[in-house]
N, C-alpha and C. Protein backbone atom coordinates (compact mmCIF):
# COMPACT_ATOMS: atom_id res chain seq x y z
N MET A 1 -18.35 -53.60 -24.58
CA MET A 1 -17.54 -52.66 -23.88
C MET A 1 -17.35 -51.42 -24.76
N PRO A 2 -17.51 -50.20 -24.15
CA PRO A 2 -17.36 -49.00 -24.96
C PRO A 2 -15.91 -48.78 -25.34
N LYS A 3 -15.76 -48.16 -26.48
CA LYS A 3 -14.42 -47.84 -26.97
C LYS A 3 -13.85 -46.68 -26.18
N ALA A 4 -12.59 -46.75 -25.91
CA ALA A 4 -11.91 -45.65 -25.22
C ALA A 4 -11.61 -44.56 -26.22
N LYS A 5 -11.86 -43.33 -25.78
CA LYS A 5 -11.58 -42.20 -26.67
C LYS A 5 -10.10 -41.90 -26.65
N THR A 6 -9.57 -41.61 -27.80
CA THR A 6 -8.16 -41.29 -27.88
C THR A 6 -7.98 -39.80 -27.65
N PRO A 7 -7.10 -39.44 -26.74
CA PRO A 7 -6.87 -38.01 -26.48
C PRO A 7 -6.20 -37.33 -27.66
N ILE A 8 -6.46 -36.05 -27.82
CA ILE A 8 -5.90 -35.29 -28.93
C ILE A 8 -4.80 -34.39 -28.38
N LYS A 9 -3.95 -34.92 -27.57
CA LYS A 9 -2.91 -34.11 -26.94
C LYS A 9 -1.88 -33.62 -27.93
N ASN A 10 -1.49 -34.42 -28.83
CA ASN A 10 -0.39 -34.08 -29.71
C ASN A 10 -0.81 -33.28 -30.93
N LYS A 11 -2.11 -33.12 -31.11
CA LYS A 11 -2.58 -32.41 -32.29
C LYS A 11 -2.45 -30.91 -32.05
N LYS A 12 -1.92 -30.18 -33.01
CA LYS A 12 -1.73 -28.74 -32.88
C LYS A 12 -2.58 -28.05 -33.93
N TYR A 13 -3.34 -27.04 -33.44
CA TYR A 13 -4.19 -26.27 -34.34
C TYR A 13 -3.58 -24.88 -34.51
N PRO A 14 -3.31 -24.46 -35.72
CA PRO A 14 -2.69 -23.15 -35.93
C PRO A 14 -3.64 -22.01 -35.52
N GLU A 15 -4.94 -22.28 -35.54
CA GLU A 15 -5.90 -21.24 -35.16
C GLU A 15 -5.76 -20.84 -33.69
N VAL A 16 -5.37 -21.81 -32.86
CA VAL A 16 -5.21 -21.54 -31.43
C VAL A 16 -4.10 -20.50 -31.21
N ASP A 17 -3.02 -20.67 -31.94
CA ASP A 17 -1.93 -19.69 -31.82
C ASP A 17 -2.37 -18.31 -32.31
N ASP A 18 -3.15 -18.29 -33.38
CA ASP A 18 -3.67 -17.02 -33.90
C ASP A 18 -4.59 -16.35 -32.87
N ILE A 19 -5.43 -17.15 -32.25
CA ILE A 19 -6.34 -16.61 -31.24
C ILE A 19 -5.56 -16.08 -30.04
N LYS A 20 -4.55 -16.81 -29.62
CA LYS A 20 -3.72 -16.34 -28.49
C LYS A 20 -3.05 -15.02 -28.84
N GLN A 21 -2.56 -14.91 -30.06
CA GLN A 21 -1.92 -13.68 -30.50
C GLN A 21 -2.94 -12.54 -30.55
N ASP A 22 -4.14 -12.82 -31.05
CA ASP A 22 -5.19 -11.80 -31.11
C ASP A 22 -5.60 -11.34 -29.71
N LEU A 23 -5.69 -12.27 -28.78
CA LEU A 23 -6.05 -11.90 -27.40
C LEU A 23 -4.96 -11.04 -26.75
N SER A 24 -3.73 -11.38 -27.02
CA SER A 24 -2.63 -10.58 -26.49
C SER A 24 -2.67 -9.17 -27.06
N SER A 25 -2.91 -9.08 -28.36
CA SER A 25 -3.00 -7.77 -29.01
C SER A 25 -4.19 -6.99 -28.48
N LEU A 26 -5.31 -7.66 -28.30
CA LEU A 26 -6.51 -7.01 -27.76
C LEU A 26 -6.25 -6.48 -26.35
N LYS A 27 -5.60 -7.27 -25.53
CA LYS A 27 -5.27 -6.84 -24.17
C LYS A 27 -4.40 -5.59 -24.21
N HIS A 28 -3.42 -5.59 -25.08
CA HIS A 28 -2.52 -4.44 -25.20
C HIS A 28 -3.30 -3.20 -25.66
N ASN A 29 -4.21 -3.38 -26.62
CA ASN A 29 -5.00 -2.25 -27.13
C ASN A 29 -5.97 -1.72 -26.09
N VAL A 30 -6.56 -2.60 -25.29
CA VAL A 30 -7.48 -2.17 -24.24
C VAL A 30 -6.73 -1.36 -23.19
N VAL A 31 -5.55 -1.78 -22.85
CA VAL A 31 -4.74 -1.03 -21.87
C VAL A 31 -4.42 0.36 -22.42
N GLY A 32 -4.02 0.42 -23.68
CA GLY A 32 -3.72 1.72 -24.30
C GLY A 32 -4.95 2.61 -24.37
N LEU A 33 -6.08 2.02 -24.72
CA LEU A 33 -7.33 2.79 -24.79
C LEU A 33 -7.72 3.32 -23.42
N SER A 34 -7.60 2.51 -22.40
CA SER A 34 -7.97 2.99 -21.05
C SER A 34 -7.06 4.12 -20.59
N GLU A 35 -5.80 4.08 -20.99
CA GLU A 35 -4.89 5.17 -20.64
C GLU A 35 -5.31 6.46 -21.35
N HIS A 36 -5.68 6.36 -22.63
CA HIS A 36 -6.12 7.54 -23.37
C HIS A 36 -7.42 8.10 -22.81
N VAL A 37 -8.34 7.23 -22.45
CA VAL A 37 -9.61 7.69 -21.87
C VAL A 37 -9.36 8.40 -20.55
N ALA A 38 -8.46 7.87 -19.74
CA ALA A 38 -8.14 8.51 -18.46
C ALA A 38 -7.53 9.89 -18.68
N GLU A 39 -6.63 10.00 -19.66
CA GLU A 39 -6.02 11.30 -19.97
C GLU A 39 -7.07 12.30 -20.44
N ASP A 40 -7.97 11.85 -21.33
CA ASP A 40 -9.02 12.73 -21.83
C ASP A 40 -9.96 13.15 -20.71
N GLY A 41 -10.28 12.23 -19.82
CA GLY A 41 -11.14 12.55 -18.68
C GLY A 41 -10.51 13.60 -17.79
N ALA A 42 -9.21 13.50 -17.57
CA ALA A 42 -8.52 14.49 -16.75
C ALA A 42 -8.54 15.85 -17.44
N LYS A 43 -8.36 15.88 -18.75
CA LYS A 43 -8.40 17.15 -19.49
C LYS A 43 -9.78 17.78 -19.42
N VAL A 44 -10.81 16.97 -19.58
CA VAL A 44 -12.18 17.49 -19.51
C VAL A 44 -12.47 18.03 -18.11
N GLY A 45 -12.00 17.34 -17.10
CA GLY A 45 -12.18 17.80 -15.73
C GLY A 45 -11.50 19.14 -15.48
N GLU A 46 -10.29 19.27 -16.00
CA GLU A 46 -9.56 20.53 -15.84
C GLU A 46 -10.29 21.67 -16.57
N GLN A 47 -10.80 21.38 -17.76
CA GLN A 47 -11.53 22.41 -18.52
C GLN A 47 -12.80 22.81 -17.78
N ALA A 48 -13.50 21.85 -17.21
CA ALA A 48 -14.73 22.15 -16.47
C ALA A 48 -14.41 23.00 -15.25
N ALA A 49 -13.35 22.67 -14.54
CA ALA A 49 -12.96 23.45 -13.36
C ALA A 49 -12.57 24.87 -13.76
N ASP A 50 -11.81 25.00 -14.82
CA ASP A 50 -11.42 26.34 -15.29
C ASP A 50 -12.64 27.16 -15.67
N SER A 51 -13.56 26.54 -16.38
CA SER A 51 -14.79 27.24 -16.78
C SER A 51 -15.61 27.64 -15.57
N PHE A 52 -15.70 26.77 -14.59
CA PHE A 52 -16.44 27.06 -13.36
C PHE A 52 -15.84 28.25 -12.63
N PHE A 53 -14.53 28.25 -12.45
CA PHE A 53 -13.87 29.35 -11.73
C PHE A 53 -13.97 30.66 -12.51
N LYS A 54 -13.93 30.58 -13.83
CA LYS A 54 -14.09 31.78 -14.65
C LYS A 54 -15.48 32.37 -14.46
N LYS A 55 -16.51 31.51 -14.52
CA LYS A 55 -17.88 31.98 -14.33
C LYS A 55 -18.09 32.52 -12.92
N MET A 56 -17.50 31.88 -11.93
CA MET A 56 -17.63 32.36 -10.55
C MET A 56 -16.99 33.74 -10.40
N THR A 57 -15.87 33.96 -11.03
CA THR A 57 -15.21 35.26 -10.99
C THR A 57 -16.10 36.32 -11.65
N GLU A 58 -16.67 35.97 -12.81
CA GLU A 58 -17.57 36.89 -13.49
C GLU A 58 -18.78 37.20 -12.62
N PHE A 59 -19.31 36.18 -11.95
CA PHE A 59 -20.47 36.36 -11.07
C PHE A 59 -20.12 37.28 -9.90
N LYS A 60 -18.94 37.10 -9.32
CA LYS A 60 -18.51 37.97 -8.21
C LYS A 60 -18.43 39.42 -8.66
N VAL A 61 -17.82 39.64 -9.82
CA VAL A 61 -17.68 41.01 -10.35
C VAL A 61 -19.06 41.61 -10.60
N PHE A 62 -19.96 40.83 -11.20
CA PHE A 62 -21.32 41.31 -11.46
C PHE A 62 -22.03 41.64 -10.15
N GLY A 63 -21.90 40.78 -9.17
CA GLY A 63 -22.53 41.01 -7.87
C GLY A 63 -22.01 42.27 -7.20
N ARG A 64 -20.72 42.48 -7.27
CA ARG A 64 -20.14 43.68 -6.67
C ARG A 64 -20.63 44.94 -7.37
N LYS A 65 -20.74 44.88 -8.70
CA LYS A 65 -21.24 46.05 -9.45
C LYS A 65 -22.69 46.34 -9.07
N GLN A 66 -23.51 45.30 -8.96
CA GLN A 66 -24.91 45.49 -8.61
C GLN A 66 -25.04 46.01 -7.19
N ALA A 67 -24.23 45.53 -6.27
CA ALA A 67 -24.27 46.02 -4.89
C ALA A 67 -23.87 47.50 -4.85
N ALA A 68 -22.87 47.89 -5.64
CA ALA A 68 -22.45 49.29 -5.69
C ALA A 68 -23.57 50.16 -6.26
N LYS A 69 -24.27 49.67 -7.29
CA LYS A 69 -25.40 50.41 -7.87
C LYS A 69 -26.50 50.59 -6.83
N ALA A 70 -26.81 49.53 -6.10
CA ALA A 70 -27.86 49.61 -5.08
C ALA A 70 -27.46 50.58 -3.98
N GLU A 71 -26.20 50.56 -3.60
CA GLU A 71 -25.72 51.48 -2.56
C GLU A 71 -25.87 52.93 -3.00
N VAL A 72 -25.52 53.21 -4.24
CA VAL A 72 -25.65 54.57 -4.76
C VAL A 72 -27.12 54.98 -4.79
N GLN A 73 -27.98 54.08 -5.23
CA GLN A 73 -29.40 54.40 -5.31
C GLN A 73 -29.99 54.65 -3.92
N VAL A 74 -29.60 53.87 -2.94
CA VAL A 74 -30.09 54.08 -1.57
C VAL A 74 -29.56 55.40 -1.02
N ARG A 75 -28.32 55.70 -1.32
CA ARG A 75 -27.73 56.95 -0.84
C ARG A 75 -28.41 58.16 -1.49
N ASP A 76 -28.75 58.04 -2.79
CA ASP A 76 -29.39 59.16 -3.50
C ASP A 76 -30.86 59.32 -3.13
N ASN A 77 -31.56 58.23 -2.85
CA ASN A 77 -32.99 58.27 -2.56
C ASN A 77 -33.31 57.46 -1.30
N PRO A 78 -32.93 57.95 -0.13
CA PRO A 78 -33.14 57.15 1.08
C PRO A 78 -34.61 56.95 1.41
N ALA A 79 -35.46 57.96 1.22
CA ALA A 79 -36.88 57.82 1.55
C ALA A 79 -37.54 56.79 0.63
N LYS A 80 -37.24 56.86 -0.63
CA LYS A 80 -37.81 55.91 -1.60
C LYS A 80 -37.35 54.49 -1.26
N SER A 81 -36.08 54.31 -0.93
CA SER A 81 -35.55 53.00 -0.59
C SER A 81 -36.21 52.44 0.66
N LEU A 82 -36.43 53.31 1.64
CA LEU A 82 -37.09 52.88 2.87
C LEU A 82 -38.53 52.46 2.58
N ALA A 83 -39.23 53.21 1.72
CA ALA A 83 -40.60 52.86 1.36
C ALA A 83 -40.65 51.53 0.62
N VAL A 84 -39.73 51.31 -0.31
CA VAL A 84 -39.69 50.04 -1.05
C VAL A 84 -39.43 48.89 -0.10
N ALA A 85 -38.52 49.06 0.84
CA ALA A 85 -38.21 48.01 1.80
C ALA A 85 -39.42 47.72 2.68
N PHE A 86 -40.13 48.76 3.09
CA PHE A 86 -41.30 48.58 3.94
C PHE A 86 -42.40 47.81 3.20
N VAL A 87 -42.70 48.22 1.98
CA VAL A 87 -43.74 47.55 1.19
C VAL A 87 -43.34 46.10 0.89
N SER A 88 -42.08 45.88 0.58
CA SER A 88 -41.60 44.52 0.34
C SER A 88 -41.79 43.65 1.58
N GLY A 89 -41.50 44.24 2.74
CA GLY A 89 -41.69 43.51 4.00
C GLY A 89 -43.14 43.16 4.24
N LEU A 90 -44.04 44.08 3.92
CA LEU A 90 -45.47 43.80 4.07
C LEU A 90 -45.91 42.64 3.17
N PHE A 91 -45.48 42.68 1.91
CA PHE A 91 -45.85 41.61 0.98
C PHE A 91 -45.29 40.26 1.45
N LEU A 92 -44.05 40.25 1.87
CA LEU A 92 -43.46 38.99 2.34
C LEU A 92 -44.15 38.48 3.58
N SER A 93 -44.48 39.38 4.48
CA SER A 93 -45.19 38.98 5.71
C SER A 93 -46.54 38.36 5.36
N ALA A 94 -47.28 38.99 4.46
CA ALA A 94 -48.57 38.47 4.05
C ALA A 94 -48.42 37.13 3.33
N PHE A 95 -47.39 37.00 2.54
CA PHE A 95 -47.15 35.76 1.80
C PHE A 95 -46.89 34.60 2.75
N PHE A 96 -46.02 34.83 3.73
CA PHE A 96 -45.66 33.76 4.65
C PHE A 96 -46.80 33.43 5.62
N LYS A 97 -47.61 34.43 5.99
CA LYS A 97 -48.76 34.15 6.85
C LYS A 97 -49.78 33.30 6.11
N SER A 98 -49.94 33.53 4.82
CA SER A 98 -50.94 32.77 4.06
C SER A 98 -50.50 31.32 3.83
N LYS A 99 -49.22 31.03 3.96
CA LYS A 99 -48.71 29.68 3.75
C LYS A 99 -49.01 28.76 4.94
N LYS A 100 -49.27 29.31 6.11
CA LYS A 100 -49.51 28.50 7.31
C LYS A 100 -50.83 27.89 7.29
């Protein structure tokens, strides 16, 4: 008949308590780290949005200046502008016809 194994219920290992304490500390540190990462992510997002809106504003100003320059040039040289537009139209027409 096989021997019955004796349970080790009453035996206490100090390492188990240390491991439990380490796991609790690790859990606490992971929670703190995730909070810091979330805060940093929000800051980076805000910086990216600010940078985007700044560049868009600069682009709008640049576009308006270029449109004003083009308007002045067309007003000063209407025949030349009309000729450039006509030639550009011919080239585009030829380009798109050749694509078919």
